[in-house]
Protein backbone atom coordinates (compact mmCIF):
# COMPACT_ATOMS: atom_id res chain seq x y z
CA MET A 1 -57.68 -103.73 21.25
CA ILE A 2 -57.86 -100.63 18.85
CA THR A 3 -60.52 -97.46 20.16
CA ARG A 4 -62.40 -95.59 17.35
CA ARG A 5 -59.92 -92.79 18.02
CA ARG A 6 -57.26 -94.52 17.07
CA ARG A 7 -58.77 -96.32 14.18
CA SER A 8 -60.09 -92.70 12.79
CA PHE A 9 -56.35 -91.67 13.24
CA ILE A 10 -55.08 -94.86 11.42
CA VAL A 11 -57.42 -94.40 8.68
CA ALA A 12 -56.56 -91.02 8.33
CA GLY A 13 -53.05 -91.81 7.74
CA LEU A 14 -53.51 -94.23 5.52
CA LEU A 15 -55.72 -91.71 3.13
CA ALA A 16 -53.36 -88.76 3.94
CA THR A 17 -50.50 -90.98 2.74
CA VAL A 18 -52.38 -91.79 -0.26
CA VAL A 19 -53.42 -89.16 -1.25
CA CYS A 20 -49.49 -87.84 -0.69
CA GLY A 21 -48.36 -90.59 -2.90
CA ILE A 22 -51.09 -89.82 -5.81
CA VAL A 23 -49.99 -85.90 -5.90
CA TRP A 24 -46.16 -86.56 -5.76
CA LYS A 25 -46.58 -89.03 -8.45
CA THR A 26 -48.02 -86.80 -10.77
CA SER A 27 -46.57 -83.69 -10.22
CA ARG A 28 -42.92 -84.88 -10.42
CA PRO A 29 -40.97 -85.84 -14.07
CA LYS A 30 -40.50 -89.72 -14.25
CA GLU A 31 -38.39 -91.13 -12.04
CA PRO A 32 -35.76 -92.97 -14.17
CA THR A 33 -33.95 -96.52 -13.05
CA HIS A 34 -30.86 -98.21 -12.80
CA GLY A 35 -30.22 -102.09 -12.53
CA GLY A 36 -34.18 -102.60 -11.38
CA LYS A 37 -34.38 -99.17 -8.92
CA GLY A 38 -35.78 -95.88 -8.92
CA LEU A 39 -32.78 -92.79 -9.08
CA SER A 40 -34.70 -91.75 -5.29
CA VAL A 41 -33.24 -95.25 -3.98
CA TRP A 42 -29.69 -94.98 -5.29
CA LEU A 43 -29.79 -91.21 -3.88
CA ASP A 44 -30.99 -92.47 -0.35
CA GLU A 45 -28.19 -94.71 -0.15
CA LEU A 46 -25.31 -92.35 -1.23
CA CYS A 47 -26.76 -89.58 1.14
CA LYS A 48 -26.24 -92.36 3.90
CA LEU A 49 -21.88 -92.92 2.91
CA ASP A 50 -19.58 -91.38 4.67
CA TYR A 51 -19.03 -87.49 3.16
CA SER A 52 -15.49 -88.43 1.60
CA LYS A 53 -17.68 -91.60 -0.48
CA ARG A 54 -20.13 -89.34 -1.81
CA ALA A 55 -18.25 -88.28 -5.02
CA ASP A 56 -15.71 -91.55 -5.22
CA SER A 57 -16.82 -92.91 -8.86
CA GLY A 58 -16.28 -96.59 -7.89
CA ALA A 59 -19.14 -96.37 -5.46
CA PRO A 60 -21.73 -98.50 -6.87
CA GLN A 61 -24.50 -95.46 -5.89
CA VAL A 62 -22.28 -93.04 -8.25
CA GLU A 63 -21.79 -95.26 -10.86
CA ALA A 64 -26.02 -95.47 -10.57
CA VAL A 65 -26.21 -91.90 -11.41
CA ARG A 66 -23.86 -91.91 -13.54
CA ALA A 67 -25.02 -94.64 -15.73
CA ILE A 68 -28.77 -92.82 -15.78
CA GLY A 69 -26.96 -89.76 -17.08
CA THR A 70 -28.17 -86.38 -18.28
CA ASN A 71 -31.67 -88.47 -18.32
CA ALA A 72 -31.13 -87.71 -14.47
CA ILE A 73 -31.48 -83.83 -14.75
CA PRO A 74 -35.01 -83.01 -14.80
CA TRP A 75 -35.67 -85.33 -11.85
CA LEU A 76 -32.89 -83.75 -9.54
CA LEU A 77 -34.22 -80.36 -10.04
CA GLY A 78 -37.52 -81.59 -9.39
CA GLU A 79 -36.16 -82.29 -5.93
CA PHE A 80 -35.61 -78.54 -5.46
CA ARG A 81 -39.33 -77.53 -6.85
CA HIS A 82 -41.36 -77.82 -3.43
CA ASP A 83 -44.54 -76.21 -1.89
CA GLY A 84 -42.17 -74.86 0.99
CA THR A 85 -44.66 -76.14 3.64
CA THR A 86 -44.25 -78.09 6.74
CA TRP A 87 -47.06 -80.82 5.55
CA ARG A 88 -44.84 -83.49 4.77
CA TRP A 89 -43.00 -83.48 8.55
CA LYS A 90 -46.10 -82.61 10.18
CA LEU A 91 -47.46 -85.91 8.59
CA ASN A 92 -44.42 -87.86 9.96
CA ARG A 93 -44.65 -86.50 13.08
CA LEU A 94 -48.23 -87.67 13.52
CA LEU A 95 -47.29 -90.93 11.85
CA ASP A 96 -44.38 -91.45 14.50
CA LYS A 97 -46.95 -91.60 17.44
CA GLN A 98 -48.39 -94.79 15.68
CA HIS A 99 -47.08 -98.28 14.83
CA VAL A 100 -49.68 -99.54 12.35
CA ILE A 101 -48.23 -97.43 9.48
CA LYS A 102 -44.74 -97.92 8.54
CA SER A 103 -43.83 -95.47 5.72
CA ARG A 104 -43.32 -92.00 6.07
CA ILE A 105 -43.32 -89.11 3.97
CA THR A 106 -40.35 -87.33 1.89
CA THR A 107 -39.27 -84.21 3.89
CA ALA A 108 -38.43 -80.85 1.41
CA ASP A 109 -34.94 -81.47 3.42
CA ASP A 110 -34.60 -85.03 2.43
CA ARG A 111 -35.44 -83.99 -1.59
CA LEU A 112 -33.24 -81.05 -1.17
CA ARG A 113 -30.24 -83.39 0.01
CA ARG A 114 -31.14 -85.97 -2.96
CA GLY A 115 -30.85 -83.07 -5.18
CA THR A 116 -27.62 -82.23 -4.02
CA TRP A 117 -25.87 -84.95 -4.10
CA GLY A 118 -27.25 -86.03 -6.95
CA PHE A 119 -25.34 -83.48 -9.07
CA TRP A 120 -22.44 -84.29 -6.64
CA ALA A 121 -22.71 -87.67 -8.47
CA LEU A 122 -23.48 -86.51 -11.72
CA GLY A 123 -20.37 -84.14 -11.69
CA GLU A 124 -19.55 -83.00 -15.27
CA LEU A 125 -22.32 -84.81 -16.68
CA GLY A 126 -24.41 -82.00 -14.55
CA GLU A 127 -23.75 -78.95 -16.53
CA PRO A 128 -27.14 -78.41 -18.40
CA ALA A 129 -28.69 -77.97 -15.18
CA ILE A 130 -26.48 -74.98 -14.11
CA PRO A 131 -28.96 -71.95 -15.62
CA THR A 132 -31.54 -73.49 -13.62
CA LEU A 133 -30.13 -74.02 -10.51
CA LEU A 134 -28.21 -70.90 -10.39
CA SER A 135 -32.24 -69.32 -11.14
CA MET A 136 -33.07 -70.97 -7.67
CA VAL A 137 -30.04 -70.41 -5.60
CA GLU A 138 -31.95 -67.64 -3.54
CA GLY A 139 -34.62 -69.73 -3.10
CA TYR A 140 -32.73 -72.60 -1.94
CA PRO A 141 -29.11 -71.28 -0.67
CA GLY A 142 -28.39 -73.92 1.74
CA TYR A 143 -28.61 -76.34 -0.87
CA VAL A 144 -28.26 -74.61 -4.51
CA PRO A 145 -24.33 -74.08 -4.16
CA GLY A 146 -23.32 -77.36 -2.99
CA ALA A 147 -25.32 -78.86 -6.19
CA LEU A 148 -23.24 -76.33 -8.10
CA ALA A 149 -19.74 -77.52 -6.33
CA GLY A 150 -20.95 -81.00 -7.24
CA ILE A 151 -21.23 -80.42 -10.77
CA GLY A 152 -17.10 -79.38 -10.71
CA ARG A 153 -15.33 -76.97 -13.50
CA PRO A 154 -18.27 -76.20 -15.54
CA ALA A 155 -20.09 -74.38 -12.34
CA LEU A 156 -16.92 -72.03 -11.86
CA PRO A 157 -18.63 -69.12 -13.41
CA ALA A 158 -22.16 -69.27 -11.69
CA LEU A 159 -20.02 -70.12 -8.34
CA GLN A 160 -18.54 -66.95 -8.77
CA GLN A 161 -21.90 -65.23 -8.99
CA CYS A 162 -23.17 -66.98 -5.76
CA LEU A 163 -19.81 -65.62 -4.01
CA THR A 164 -20.94 -61.99 -5.49
CA ASN A 165 -24.71 -62.15 -4.29
CA ASN A 166 -26.14 -60.11 -1.66
CA GLN A 167 -29.35 -61.11 -1.40
CA GLN A 168 -30.69 -60.22 2.41
CA TYR A 169 -32.18 -62.61 4.62
CA THR A 170 -33.50 -62.31 8.17
CA ASN A 171 -33.27 -65.04 11.19
CA ALA A 172 -32.86 -65.03 14.41
CA LEU A 173 -29.41 -63.62 14.62
CA GLY A 174 -30.24 -60.65 12.00
CA ILE A 175 -29.95 -59.51 8.19
CA TYR A 176 -27.37 -60.84 6.13
CA ALA A 177 -26.63 -62.52 2.89
CA ILE A 178 -26.48 -66.00 3.42
CA VAL A 179 -25.39 -67.48 -0.51
CA PRO A 180 -22.06 -66.23 -0.01
CA GLY A 181 -20.68 -67.66 2.75
CA ASN A 182 -22.30 -71.06 2.16
CA THR A 183 -20.85 -70.93 -1.57
CA ILE A 184 -17.53 -70.25 0.37
CA SER A 185 -18.03 -73.76 2.64
CA GLU A 186 -18.88 -75.56 -0.62
CA ILE A 187 -16.09 -74.49 -2.08
CA PHE A 188 -13.69 -75.56 0.37
CA ASN A 189 -15.90 -79.24 0.68
CA ALA A 190 -15.56 -79.25 -3.07
CA THR A 191 -11.83 -79.00 -2.92
CA SER A 192 -11.52 -81.27 -0.36
CA TYR A 193 -13.87 -84.45 -1.13
CA GLY A 194 -14.88 -83.77 -4.61
CA PRO A 195 -14.11 -82.32 -8.42
CA PHE A 196 -11.90 -79.19 -7.36
CA SER A 197 -8.16 -79.10 -7.34
CA LYS A 198 -6.39 -76.19 -5.33
CA ALA A 199 -5.60 -74.78 -8.75
CA ASP A 200 -8.99 -74.49 -9.71
CA VAL A 201 -10.06 -72.43 -7.03
CA ALA A 202 -7.36 -69.95 -6.71
CA ILE A 203 -10.05 -67.39 -9.10
CA PHE A 204 -12.33 -67.42 -5.66
CA LEU A 205 -9.05 -65.96 -3.66
CA ALA A 206 -9.51 -62.15 -4.44
CA THR A 207 -13.23 -62.53 -3.83
CA ILE A 208 -13.05 -64.33 -0.82
CA GLN A 209 -10.16 -62.06 1.18
CA ALA A 210 -12.66 -59.19 0.30
CA TRP A 211 -15.27 -61.18 2.41
CA ALA A 212 -12.67 -61.99 4.85
CA GLN A 213 -11.58 -57.78 5.39
CA GLN A 214 -15.32 -56.70 5.41
CA SER A 215 -16.76 -56.45 8.69
CA THR A 216 -21.15 -56.23 7.63
CA ASN A 217 -21.85 -59.81 6.96
CA GLY A 218 -20.71 -61.93 9.56
CA GLN A 219 -21.44 -65.34 8.28
CA ALA A 220 -19.45 -64.53 5.20
CA GLN A 221 -16.34 -63.27 7.03
CA SER A 222 -16.17 -66.00 9.42
CA LYS A 223 -16.59 -68.52 6.50
CA ALA A 224 -14.14 -66.76 4.37
CA ALA A 225 -11.84 -66.63 7.04
CA TRP A 226 -11.68 -70.40 8.12
CA PHE A 227 -11.39 -70.91 4.01
CA LEU A 228 -8.03 -68.54 3.74
CA SER A 229 -6.87 -70.41 7.44
CA HIS A 230 -7.31 -73.84 5.97
CA TYR A 231 -6.20 -73.09 2.22
CA ASP A 232 -2.72 -74.46 1.92
CA GLN A 233 -3.91 -77.77 3.42
CA LEU A 234 -5.70 -77.91 0.52
CA ARG A 235 -4.55 -80.58 -2.66
């Protein structure tokens, strides 16, 4: 038997879900579709694939994103524009405590992952988004370098700018510039699994070597040293 307290919680949860859905729908660019499925559905499927398959041109999810083409760009950029709050995560935690409402709210991290891998799937078709992505790198330093790397060769100059971005962030480990280290990792990933060849990333070597030789940014130093130690294994 459902208690009054639990009934109130369920009603509140339903109302919150409806309100959030309305706000989300009215504040986003119209979602493009392909084959009867929305871009978000294709991207959710894409994110569940093995890492090495997410830029595979033969994967149905990648083919769908590329079929949508540049029409996907406004929606993908919208995945990087959120309010930065934790209300979605908190609401999902509340919804996890009951078994009546099955749906969950898409979190900021979910959206950022979808945006990043959407640009991997688009590849060079995502070139028009490069200036906007670059302008957002300091707001989303954990994701924008990956999106740029996924676009491939047209994004090489933007990635070079990311490698020299010294915007400082503070966390439990102290103060450091996180963008260069994350960019080094994403360049390596894009060479191992995605659009870059070893010849493409040779232009970054001098900058990466400089990061490996300095001692003021431990995160960038460790990632640069790791990159250089594995450079010979790249294709």
